[in-house]
Amino acid sequence: MAYRDQTNIQPAFKQLTVPCDGEVGDLWVLTPLDEGRPDPSDQGEASLWFCTRAADGERPAVWARVQFDGVAICKHPIPDPPQDRPVLTRG
Protein backbone atom coordinates (compact mmCIF):
# COMPACT_ATOMS: atom_id res chain seq x y z
CA MET A 1 0.00 0.00 0.00
CA ALA A 2 1.40 3.41 -0.96
CA TYR A 3 0.89 6.31 1.43
CA ARG A 4 0.63 9.89 0.25
CA ASP A 5 2.17 12.89 1.98
CA GLN A 6 0.13 14.16 4.90
CA THR A 7 0.05 17.56 6.54
CA ASN A 8 1.92 17.45 9.83
CA ILE A 9 0.88 20.17 12.27
CA GLN A 10 3.44 20.38 15.06
CA PRO A 11 1.96 20.60 18.55
CA ALA A 12 2.39 23.42 21.03
CA PHE A 13 4.03 21.52 23.91
CA LYS A 14 3.15 22.26 27.54
CA GLN A 15 0.28 24.42 26.26
CA LEU A 16 -2.96 24.39 28.26
CA THR A 17 -4.74 27.38 26.65
CA VAL A 18 -5.58 28.41 23.10
CA PRO A 19 -3.95 31.60 21.78
CA CYS A 20 -5.74 34.95 22.07
CA ASP A 21 -4.84 35.74 18.46
CA GLY A 22 -6.05 33.70 15.53
CA GLU A 23 -7.51 33.91 12.06
CA VAL A 24 -10.60 32.00 10.97
CA GLY A 25 -9.44 28.60 9.70
CA ASP A 26 -6.29 28.39 11.81
CA LEU A 27 -5.56 24.98 13.33
CA TRP A 28 -3.71 24.61 16.61
CA VAL A 29 -2.55 21.36 18.24
CA LEU A 30 -2.17 21.52 22.02
CA THR A 31 -0.63 19.02 24.39
CA PRO A 32 0.22 19.25 28.08
CA LEU A 33 3.26 17.02 27.51
CA ASP A 34 6.89 18.11 27.27
CA GLU A 35 8.44 17.75 23.81
CA GLY A 36 9.88 14.27 23.38
CA ARG A 37 8.12 12.89 26.47
CA PRO A 38 6.27 9.61 25.83
CA ASP A 39 2.49 9.92 26.13
CA PRO A 40 1.32 7.60 28.93
CA SER A 41 -2.37 7.75 27.97
CA ASP A 42 -4.16 5.06 25.97
CA GLN A 43 -5.61 7.40 23.31
CA GLY A 44 -3.28 10.40 23.38
CA GLU A 45 -3.33 13.75 25.18
CA ALA A 46 -3.06 16.06 22.16
CA SER A 47 -6.12 17.98 20.97
CA LEU A 48 -6.85 19.86 17.73
CA TRP A 49 -8.46 23.32 17.82
CA PHE A 50 -10.03 25.27 14.91
CA CYS A 51 -10.38 29.08 14.94
CA THR A 52 -14.02 30.01 14.30
CA ARG A 53 -13.76 33.78 14.91
CA ALA A 54 -10.69 35.95 14.47
CA ALA A 55 -9.41 38.27 17.16
CA ASP A 56 -10.51 41.83 16.41
CA GLY A 57 -8.38 43.93 18.75
CA GLU A 58 -11.12 44.13 21.40
CA ARG A 59 -12.13 40.47 21.66
CA PRO A 60 -9.91 37.41 21.54
CA ALA A 61 -10.19 34.71 18.89
CA VAL A 62 -12.71 31.92 19.46
CA TRP A 63 -11.50 28.34 19.10
CA ALA A 64 -13.53 25.11 18.77
CA ARG A 65 -12.02 21.75 19.63
CA VAL A 66 -12.22 19.24 16.80
CA GLN A 67 -13.94 16.20 18.24
CA PHE A 68 -12.81 12.85 16.99
CA ASP A 69 -15.23 9.94 16.80
CA GLY A 70 -12.77 7.07 16.97
CA VAL A 71 -9.15 6.07 17.34
CA ALA A 72 -7.10 3.51 15.46
CA ILE A 73 -3.68 1.91 15.44
CA CYS A 74 -1.80 0.40 12.54
CA LYS A 75 -2.61 -3.09 11.32
CA HIS A 76 -6.14 -2.94 12.74
CA PRO A 77 -9.22 -1.95 10.72
CA ILE A 78 -10.48 1.56 11.32
CA PRO A 79 -13.82 1.89 13.13
CA ASP A 80 -16.97 2.58 11.10
CA PRO A 81 -17.99 6.25 11.07
CA PRO A 82 -20.96 6.98 13.34
CA GLN A 83 -24.33 6.98 11.59
CA ASP A 84 -26.31 8.80 14.28
CA ARG A 85 -25.21 12.40 13.68
CA PRO A 86 -28.01 14.99 13.73
CA VAL A 87 -29.04 16.58 10.45
CA LEU A 88 -27.15 19.85 9.94
CA THR A 89 -29.19 23.03 10.15
CA ARG A 90 -28.15 26.63 9.85
CA GLY A 91 -28.30 28.24 13.26
PDB file of N, CA and C in Angstrom:
ATOM      1  N   MET A   1       0.844  -1.167   0.000  1.00  0.00           N
ATOM      2  CA  MET A   1       0.000   0.000   0.000  1.00  0.00           C
ATOM      3  C   MET A   1       0.896   1.238   0.000  1.00  0.00           C
ATOM      4  N   ALA A   2       0.634   2.160  -0.896  1.00  0.00           N
ATOM      5  CA  ALA A   2       1.401   3.408  -0.959  1.00  0.00           C
ATOM      6  C   ALA A   2       0.691   4.483  -0.145  1.00  0.00           C
ATOM      7  N   TYR A   3       1.446   5.214   0.636  1.00  0.00           N
ATOM      8  CA  TYR A   3       0.893   6.315   1.427  1.00  0.00           C
ATOM      9  C   TYR A   3       1.277   7.628   0.776  1.00  0.00           C
ATOM     10  N   ARG A   4       0.355   8.562   0.795  1.00  0.00           N
ATOM     11  CA  ARG A   4       0.628   9.894   0.255  1.00  0.00           C
ATOM     12  C   ARG A   4       1.131  10.792   1.376  1.00  0.00           C
ATOM     13  N   ASP A   5       1.730  11.910   0.981  1.00  0.00           N
ATOM     14  CA  ASP A   5       2.167  12.888   1.978  1.00  0.00           C
ATOM     15  C   ASP A   5       0.973  13.409   2.764  1.00  0.00           C
ATOM     16  N   GLN A   6       1.165  13.642   4.031  1.00  0.00           N
ATOM     17  CA  GLN A   6       0.126  14.163   4.899  1.00  0.00           C
ATOM     18  C   GLN A   6       0.622  15.453   5.531  1.00  0.00           C
ATOM     19  N   THR A   7      -0.296  16.341   5.835  1.00  0.00           N
ATOM     20  CA  THR A   7       0.052  17.563   6.544  1.00  0.00           C
ATOM     21  C   THR A   7       0.402  17.205   7.980  1.00  0.00           C
ATOM     22  N   ASN A   8       1.484  17.726   8.463  1.00  0.00           N
ATOM     23  CA  ASN A   8       1.919  17.451   9.827  1.00  0.00           C
ATOM     24  C   ASN A   8       1.930  18.767  10.593  1.00  0.00           C
ATOM     25  N   ILE A   9       0.967  18.959  11.464  1.00  0.00           N
ATOM     26  CA  ILE A   9       0.881  20.171  12.270  1.00  0.00           C
ATOM     27  C   ILE A   9       1.597  19.891  13.586  1.00  0.00           C
ATOM     28  N   GLN A  10       2.654  20.610  13.845  1.00  0.00           N
ATOM     29  CA  GLN A  10       3.439  20.379  15.058  1.00  0.00           C
ATOM     30  C   GLN A  10       2.691  20.913  16.279  1.00  0.00           C
ATOM     31  N   PRO A  11       2.687  20.161  17.370  1.00  0.00           N
ATOM     32  CA  PRO A  11       1.959  20.596  18.554  1.00  0.00           C
ATOM     33  C   PRO A  11       2.671  21.701  19.323  1.00  0.00           C
ATOM     34  N   ALA A  12       1.871  22.455  20.061  1.00  0.00           N
ATOM     35  CA  ALA A  12       2.391  23.419  21.030  1.00  0.00           C
ATOM     36  C   ALA A  12       2.547  22.639  22.337  1.00  0.00           C
ATOM     37  N   PHE A  13       3.770  22.328  22.717  1.00  0.00           N
ATOM     38  CA  PHE A  13       4.031  21.518  23.905  1.00  0.00           C
ATOM     39  C   PHE A  13       3.822  22.334  25.168  1.00  0.00           C
ATOM     40  N   LYS A  14       3.393  21.649  26.229  1.00  0.00           N
ATOM     41  CA  LYS A  14       3.154  22.261  27.542  1.00  0.00           C
ATOM     42  C   LYS A  14       2.175  23.435  27.435  1.00  0.00           C
ATOM     43  N   GLN A  15       1.236  23.343  26.510  1.00  0.00           N
ATOM     44  CA  GLN A  15       0.276  24.423  26.261  1.00  0.00           C
ATOM     45  C   GLN A  15      -1.095  23.987  26.754  1.00  0.00           C
ATOM     46  N   LEU A  16      -1.669  24.745  27.682  1.00  0.00           N
ATOM     47  CA  LEU A  16      -2.961  24.392  28.261  1.00  0.00           C
ATOM     48  C   LEU A  16      -4.062  25.376  27.886  1.00  0.00           C
ATOM     49  N   THR A  17      -3.736  26.405  27.096  1.00  0.00           N
ATOM     50  CA  THR A  17      -4.739  27.381  26.654  1.00  0.00           C
ATOM     51  C   THR A  17      -4.564  27.650  25.169  1.00  0.00           C
ATOM     52  N   VAL A  18      -5.662  28.010  24.505  1.00  0.00           N
ATOM     53  CA  VAL A  18      -5.580  28.414  23.097  1.00  0.00           C
ATOM     54  C   VAL A  18      -5.030  29.836  23.028  1.00  0.00           C
ATOM     55  N   PRO A  19      -4.479  30.237  21.888  1.00  0.00           N
ATOM     56  CA  PRO A  19      -3.952  31.601  21.778  1.00  0.00           C
ATOM     57  C   PRO A  19      -5.072  32.637  21.709  1.00  0.00           C
ATOM     58  N   CYS A  20      -4.769  33.855  22.159  1.00  0.00           N
ATOM     59  CA  CYS A  20      -5.744  34.951  22.071  1.00  0.00           C
ATOM     60  C   CYS A  20      -5.887  35.434  20.634  1.00  0.00           C
ATOM     61  N   ASP A  21      -4.805  35.348  19.867  1.00  0.00           N
ATOM     62  CA  ASP A  21      -4.839  35.736  18.465  1.00  0.00           C
ATOM     63  C   ASP A  21      -5.184  34.524  17.620  1.00  0.00           C
ATOM     64  N   GLY A  22      -5.735  34.770  16.463  1.00  0.00           N
ATOM     65  CA  GLY A  22      -6.045  33.696  15.535  1.00  0.00           C
ATOM     66  C   GLY A  22      -6.848  34.232  14.383  1.00  0.00           C
ATOM     67  N   GLU A  23      -6.730  33.584  13.254  1.00  0.00           N
ATOM     68  CA  GLU A  23      -7.514  33.908  12.061  1.00  0.00           C
ATOM     69  C   GLU A  23      -8.454  32.743  11.788  1.00  0.00           C
ATOM     70  N   VAL A  24      -9.630  33.048  11.282  1.00  0.00           N
ATOM     71  CA  VAL A  24     -10.597  31.996  10.972  1.00  0.00           C
ATOM     72  C   VAL A  24      -9.934  30.960  10.065  1.00  0.00           C
ATOM     73  N   GLY A  25     -10.038  29.698  10.459  1.00  0.00           N
ATOM     74  CA  GLY A  25      -9.441  28.604   9.698  1.00  0.00           C
ATOM     75  C   GLY A  25      -8.119  28.117  10.250  1.00  0.00           C
ATOM     76  N   ASP A  26      -7.533  28.849  11.201  1.00  0.00           N
ATOM     77  CA  ASP A  26      -6.286  28.385  11.814  1.00  0.00           C
ATOM     78  C   ASP A  26      -6.527  27.077  12.565  1.00  0.00           C
ATOM     79  N   LEU A  27      -5.539  26.215  12.550  1.00  0.00           N
ATOM     80  CA  LEU A  27      -5.561  24.978  13.333  1.00  0.00           C
ATOM     81  C   LEU A  27      -4.429  25.032  14.345  1.00  0.00           C
ATOM     82  N   TRP A  28      -4.691  24.566  15.541  1.00  0.00           N
ATOM     83  CA  TRP A  28      -3.705  24.606  16.613  1.00  0.00           C
ATOM     84  C   TRP A  28      -3.760  23.275  17.344  1.00  0.00           C
ATOM     85  N   VAL A  29      -2.626  22.620  17.501  1.00  0.00           N
ATOM     86  CA  VAL A  29      -2.548  21.364  18.239  1.00  0.00           C
ATOM     87  C   VAL A  29      -1.933  21.667  19.602  1.00  0.00           C
ATOM     88  N   LEU A  30      -2.648  21.279  20.654  1.00  0.00           N
ATOM     89  CA  LEU A  30      -2.174  21.520  22.020  1.00  0.00           C
ATOM     90  C   LEU A  30      -1.923  20.200  22.725  1.00  0.00           C
ATOM     91  N   THR A  31      -0.899  20.184  23.551  1.00  0.00           N
ATOM     92  CA  THR A  31      -0.625  19.017  24.389  1.00  0.00           C
ATOM     93  C   THR A  31      -0.003  19.495  25.691  1.00  0.00           C
ATOM     94  N   PRO A  32      -0.390  18.887  26.798  1.00  0.00           N
ATOM     95  CA  PRO A  32       0.218  19.251  28.076  1.00  0.00           C
ATOM     96  C   PRO A  32       1.597  18.615  28.280  1.00  0.00           C
ATOM     97  N   LEU A  33       2.007  17.761  27.358  1.00  0.00           N
ATOM     98  CA  LEU A  33       3.259  17.022  27.510  1.00  0.00           C
ATOM     99  C   LEU A  33       4.463  17.865  27.117  1.00  0.00           C
ATOM    100  N   ASP A  34       5.622  17.524  27.689  1.00  0.00           N
ATOM    101  CA  ASP A  34       6.887  18.107  27.265  1.00  0.00           C
ATOM    102  C   ASP A  34       7.274  17.509  25.917  1.00  0.00           C
ATOM    103  N   GLU A  35       7.972  18.274  25.095  1.00  0.00           N
ATOM    104  CA  GLU A  35       8.435  17.753  23.811  1.00  0.00           C
ATOM    105  C   GLU A  35       9.337  16.546  24.039  1.00  0.00           C
ATOM    106  N   GLY A  36       9.082  15.481  23.303  1.00  0.00           N
ATOM    107  CA  GLY A  36       9.877  14.269  23.384  1.00  0.00           C
ATOM    108  C   GLY A  36       9.467  13.325  24.503  1.00  0.00           C
ATOM    109  N   ARG A  37       8.561  13.757  25.373  1.00  0.00           N
ATOM    110  CA  ARG A  37       8.119  12.890  26.474  1.00  0.00           C
ATOM    111  C   ARG A  37       7.116  11.872  25.941  1.00  0.00           C
ATOM    112  N   PRO A  38       7.263  10.604  26.266  1.00  0.00           N
ATOM    113  CA  PRO A  38       6.275   9.613  25.835  1.00  0.00           C
ATOM    114  C   PRO A  38       4.900   9.919  26.443  1.00  0.00           C
ATOM    115  N   ASP A  39       3.870   9.683  25.674  1.00  0.00           N
ATOM    116  CA  ASP A  39       2.494   9.921  26.132  1.00  0.00           C
ATOM    117  C   ASP A  39       2.006   8.680  26.864  1.00  0.00           C
ATOM    118  N   PRO A  40       1.710   8.773  28.166  1.00  0.00           N
ATOM    119  CA  PRO A  40       1.316   7.600  28.932  1.00  0.00           C
ATOM    120  C   PRO A  40      -0.151   7.202  28.747  1.00  0.00           C
ATOM    121  N   SER A  41      -0.941   8.041  28.087  1.00  0.00           N
ATOM    122  CA  SER A  41      -2.370   7.752  27.967  1.00  0.00           C
ATOM    123  C   SER A  41      -2.640   6.713  26.885  1.00  0.00           C
ATOM    124  N   ASP A  42      -3.804   6.075  26.948  1.00  0.00           N
ATOM    125  CA  ASP A  42      -4.164   5.058  25.968  1.00  0.00           C
ATOM    126  C   ASP A  42      -4.504   5.651  24.602  1.00  0.00           C
ATOM    127  N   GLN A  43      -5.130   6.837  24.576  1.00  0.00           N
ATOM    128  CA  GLN A  43      -5.608   7.396  23.311  1.00  0.00           C
ATOM    129  C   GLN A  43      -4.947   8.718  22.940  1.00  0.00           C
ATOM    130  N   GLY A  44      -4.009   9.181  23.711  1.00  0.00           N
ATOM    131  CA  GLY A  44      -3.281  10.402  23.379  1.00  0.00           C
ATOM    132  C   GLY A  44      -3.832  11.626  24.088  1.00  0.00           C
ATOM    133  N   GLU A  45      -2.931  12.552  24.452  1.00  0.00           N
ATOM    134  CA  GLU A  45      -3.329  13.746  25.180  1.00  0.00           C
ATOM    135  C   GLU A  45      -3.342  15.000  24.314  1.00  0.00           C
ATOM    136  N   ALA A  46      -3.025  14.893  23.030  1.00  0.00           N
ATOM    137  CA  ALA A  46      -3.059  16.064  22.160  1.00  0.00           C
ATOM    138  C   ALA A  46      -4.493  16.335  21.706  1.00  0.00           C
ATOM    139  N   SER A  47      -4.804  17.615  21.488  1.00  0.00           N
ATOM    140  CA  SER A  47      -6.120  17.983  20.969  1.00  0.00           C
ATOM    141  C   SER A  47      -5.944  18.993  19.841  1.00  0.00           C
ATOM    142  N   LEU A  48      -6.887  19.000  18.910  1.00  0.00           N
ATOM    143  CA  LEU A  48      -6.849  19.865  17.732  1.00  0.00           C
ATOM    144  C   LEU A  48      -7.930  20.923  17.865  1.00  0.00           C
ATOM    145  N   TRP A  49      -7.550  22.179  17.663  1.00  0.00           N
ATOM    146  CA  TRP A  49      -8.462  23.317  17.815  1.00  0.00           C
ATOM    147  C   TRP A  49      -8.534  24.099  16.506  1.00  0.00           C
ATOM    148  N   PHE A  50      -9.737  24.556  16.155  1.00  0.00           N
ATOM    149  CA  PHE A  50     -10.027  25.266  14.908  1.00  0.00           C
ATOM    150  C   PHE A  50     -10.541  26.664  15.259  1.00  0.00           C
ATOM    151  N   CYS A  51      -9.959  27.702  14.666  1.00  0.00           N
ATOM    152  CA  CYS A  51     -10.381  29.080  14.942  1.00  0.00           C
ATOM    153  C   CYS A  51     -11.674  29.383  14.172  1.00  0.00           C
ATOM    154  N   THR A  52     -12.721  29.718  14.913  1.00  0.00           N
ATOM    155  CA  THR A  52     -14.023  30.011  14.298  1.00  0.00           C
ATOM    156  C   THR A  52     -14.326  31.499  14.223  1.00  0.00           C
ATOM    157  N   ARG A  53     -13.609  32.324  14.992  1.00  0.00           N
ATOM    158  CA  ARG A  53     -13.757  33.784  14.913  1.00  0.00           C
ATOM    159  C   ARG A  53     -12.404  34.407  15.200  1.00  0.00           C
ATOM    160  N   ALA A  54     -11.982  35.299  14.329  1.00  0.00           N
ATOM    161  CA  ALA A  54     -10.686  35.951  14.472  1.00  0.00           C
ATOM    162  C   ALA A  54     -10.715  36.962  15.611  1.00  0.00           C
ATOM    163  N   ALA A  55      -9.559  37.192  16.190  1.00  0.00           N
ATOM    164  CA  ALA A  55      -9.408  38.267  17.162  1.00  0.00           C
ATOM    165  C   ALA A  55      -9.603  39.587  16.424  1.00  0.00           C
ATOM    166  N   ASP A  56     -10.245  40.568  17.091  1.00  0.00           N
ATOM    167  CA  ASP A  56     -10.509  41.832  16.407  1.00  0.00           C
ATOM    168  C   ASP A  56      -9.907  43.040  17.117  1.00  0.00           C
ATOM    169  N   GLY A  57      -8.996  42.822  18.019  1.00  0.00           N
ATOM    170  CA  GLY A  57      -8.385  43.929  18.749  1.00  0.00           C
ATOM    171  C   GLY A  57      -9.074  44.204  20.076  1.00  0.00           C
ATOM    172  N   GLU A  58     -10.376  43.953  20.153  1.00  0.00           N
ATOM    173  CA  GLU A  58     -11.120  44.128  21.399  1.00  0.00           C
ATOM    174  C   GLU A  58     -11.491  42.790  22.027  1.00  0.00           C
ATOM    175  N   ARG A  59     -11.744  41.809  21.174  1.00  0.00           N
ATOM    176  CA  ARG A  59     -12.129  40.475  21.663  1.00  0.00           C
ATOM    177  C   ARG A  59     -11.118  39.460  21.158  1.00  0.00           C
ATOM    178  N   PRO A  60     -10.851  38.440  21.982  1.00  0.00           N
ATOM    179  CA  PRO A  60      -9.909  37.408  21.538  1.00  0.00           C
ATOM    180  C   PRO A  60     -10.553  36.482  20.503  1.00  0.00           C
ATOM    181  N   ALA A  61      -9.715  35.721  19.848  1.00  0.00           N
ATOM    182  CA  ALA A  61     -10.190  34.712  18.894  1.00  0.00           C
ATOM    183  C   ALA A  61     -11.018  33.663  19.637  1.00  0.00           C
ATOM    184  N   VAL A  62     -11.916  33.017  18.912  1.00  0.00           N
ATOM    185  CA  VAL A  62     -12.711  31.916  19.456  1.00  0.00           C
ATOM    186  C   VAL A  62     -12.244  30.642  18.773  1.00  0.00           C
ATOM    187  N   TRP A  63     -12.018  29.621  19.582  1.00  0.00           N
ATOM    188  CA  TRP A  63     -11.504  28.341  19.100  1.00  0.00           C
ATOM    189  C   TRP A  63     -12.479  27.230  19.448  1.00  0.00           C
ATOM    190  N   ALA A  64     -12.679  26.280  18.531  1.00  0.00           N
ATOM    191  CA  ALA A  64     -13.533  25.109  18.772  1.00  0.00           C
ATOM    192  C   ALA A  64     -12.659  23.862  18.677  1.00  0.00           C
ATOM    193  N   ARG A  65     -12.790  22.995  19.675  1.00  0.00           N
ATOM    194  CA  ARG A  65     -12.023  21.749  19.635  1.00  0.00           C
ATOM    195  C   ARG A  65     -12.626  20.818  18.597  1.00  0.00           C
ATOM    196  N   VAL A  66     -11.784  20.227  17.788  1.00  0.00           N
ATOM    197  CA  VAL A  66     -12.217  19.244  16.804  1.00  0.00           C
ATOM    198  C   VAL A  66     -12.413  17.937  17.562  1.00  0.00           C
ATOM    199  N   GLN A  67     -13.628  17.417  17.507  1.00  0.00           N
ATOM    200  CA  GLN A  67     -13.941  16.195  18.235  1.00  0.00           C
ATOM    201  C   GLN A  67     -13.776  14.998  17.314  1.00  0.00           C
ATOM    202  N   PHE A  68     -13.034  14.046  17.766  1.00  0.00           N
ATOM    203  CA  PHE A  68     -12.805  12.846  16.988  1.00  0.00           C
ATOM    204  C   PHE A  68     -13.794  11.774  17.421  1.00  0.00           C
ATOM    205  N   ASP A  69     -14.207  10.940  16.484  1.00  0.00           N
ATOM    206  CA  ASP A  69     -15.232   9.940  16.800  1.00  0.00           C
ATOM    207  C   ASP A  69     -14.673   8.525  16.864  1.00  0.00           C
ATOM    208  N   GLY A  70     -13.374   8.391  16.863  1.00  0.00           N
ATOM    209  CA  GLY A  70     -12.773   7.075  16.975  1.00  0.00           C
ATOM    210  C   GLY A  70     -11.266   7.183  16.967  1.00  0.00           C
ATOM    211  N   VAL A  71     -10.610   6.141  17.387  1.00  0.00           N
ATOM    212  CA  VAL A  71      -9.150   6.070  17.338  1.00  0.00           C
ATOM    213  C   VAL A  71      -8.763   4.754  16.676  1.00  0.00           C
ATOM    214  N   ALA A  72      -7.556   4.716  16.133  1.00  0.00           N
ATOM    215  CA  ALA A  72      -7.100   3.508  15.456  1.00  0.00           C
ATOM    216  C   ALA A  72      -5.601   3.372  15.647  1.00  0.00           C
ATOM    217  N   ILE A  73      -5.116   2.159  15.485  1.00  0.00           N
ATOM    218  CA  ILE A  73      -3.683   1.906  15.441  1.00  0.00           C
ATOM    219  C   ILE A  73      -3.398   1.080  14.192  1.00  0.00           C
ATOM    220  N   CYS A  74      -2.152   1.104  13.777  1.00  0.00           N
ATOM    221  CA  CYS A  74      -1.798   0.404  12.543  1.00  0.00           C
ATOM    222  C   CYS A  74      -2.118  -1.086  12.633  1.00  0.00           C
ATOM    223  N   LYS A  75      -2.352  -1.651  11.488  1.00  0.00           N
ATOM    224  CA  LYS A  75      -2.608  -3.088  11.321  1.00  0.00           C
ATOM    225  C   LYS A  75      -3.937  -3.549  11.907  1.00  0.00           C
ATOM    226  N   HIS A  76      -4.794  -2.612  12.275  1.00  0.00           N
ATOM    227  CA  HIS A  76      -6.140  -2.936  12.744  1.00  0.00           C
ATOM    228  C   HIS A  76      -7.125  -2.122  11.913  1.00  0.00           C
ATOM    229  N   PRO A  77      -8.249  -2.701  11.514  1.00  0.00           N
ATOM    230  CA  PRO A  77      -9.216  -1.952  10.717  1.00  0.00           C
ATOM    231  C   PRO A  77      -9.712  -0.711  11.455  1.00  0.00           C
ATOM    232  N   ILE A  78      -9.952   0.350  10.705  1.00  0.00           N
ATOM    233  CA  ILE A  78     -10.476   1.564  11.317  1.00  0.00           C
ATOM    234  C   ILE A  78     -11.941   1.355  11.696  1.00  0.00           C
ATOM    235  N   PRO A  79     -12.424   2.053  12.733  1.00  0.00           N
ATOM    236  CA  PRO A  79     -13.823   1.891  13.126  1.00  0.00           C
ATOM    237  C   PRO A  79     -14.750   2.516  12.092  1.00  0.00           C
ATOM    238  N   ASP A  80     -15.971   1.989  11.990  1.00  0.00           N
ATOM    239  CA  ASP A  80     -16.967   2.579  11.097  1.00  0.00           C
ATOM    240  C   ASP A  80     -17.325   3.977  11.576  1.00  0.00           C
ATOM    241  N   PRO A  81     -17.550   4.918  10.657  1.00  0.00           N
ATOM    242  CA  PRO A  81     -17.993   6.246  11.069  1.00  0.00           C
ATOM    243  C   PRO A  81     -19.372   6.153  11.724  1.00  0.00           C
ATOM    244  N   PRO A  82     -19.644   7.016  12.705  1.00  0.00           N
ATOM    245  CA  PRO A  82     -20.960   6.980  13.338  1.00  0.00           C
ATOM    246  C   PRO A  82     -22.054   7.346  12.341  1.00  0.00           C
ATOM    247  N   GLN A  83     -23.207   6.728  12.499  1.00  0.00           N
ATOM    248  CA  GLN A  83     -24.332   6.976  11.590  1.00  0.00           C
ATOM    249  C   GLN A  83     -25.483   7.685  12.297  1.00  0.00           C
ATOM    250  N   ASP A  84     -25.233   8.186  13.494  1.00  0.00           N
ATOM    251  CA  ASP A  84     -26.306   8.802  14.279  1.00  0.00           C
ATOM    252  C   ASP A  84     -26.131  10.309  14.475  1.00  0.00           C
ATOM    253  N   ARG A  85     -25.406  10.949  13.576  1.00  0.00           N
ATOM    254  CA  ARG A  85     -25.205  12.397  13.678  1.00  0.00           C
ATOM    255  C   ARG A  85     -26.513  13.125  13.357  1.00  0.00           C
ATOM    256  N   PRO A  86     -26.799  14.230  14.058  1.00  0.00           N
ATOM    257  CA  PRO A  86     -28.009  14.995  13.727  1.00  0.00           C
ATOM    258  C   PRO A  86     -27.888  15.654  12.359  1.00  0.00           C
ATOM    259  N   VAL A  87     -29.013  15.897  11.741  1.00  0.00           N
ATOM    260  CA  VAL A  87     -29.036  16.585  10.453  1.00  0.00           C
ATOM    261  C   VAL A  87     -28.556  18.016  10.661  1.00  0.00           C
ATOM    262  N   LEU A  88     -27.669  18.502   9.800  1.00  0.00           N
ATOM    263  CA  LEU A  88     -27.151  19.851   9.939  1.00  0.00           C
ATOM    264  C   LEU A  88     -28.223  20.878   9.601  1.00  0.00           C
ATOM    265  N   THR A  89     -28.298  21.907  10.420  1.00  0.00           N
ATOM    266  CA  THR A  89     -29.191  23.032  10.154  1.00  0.00           C
ATOM    267  C   THR A  89     -28.404  24.307  10.355  1.00  0.00           C
ATOM    268  N   ARG A  90     -28.818  25.335   9.690  1.00  0.00           N
ATOM    269  CA  ARG A  90     -28.149  26.626   9.848  1.00  0.00           C
ATOM    270  C   ARG A  90     -28.701  27.287  11.094  1.00  0.00           C
ATOM    271  N   GLY A  91     -27.815  27.720  12.002  1.00  0.00           N
ATOM    272  CA  GLY A  91     -28.300  28.241  13.262  1.00  0.00           C
ATOM    273  C   GLY A  91     -27.708  29.451  13.702  1.00  0.00           C
TER     274      GLY A  91
END
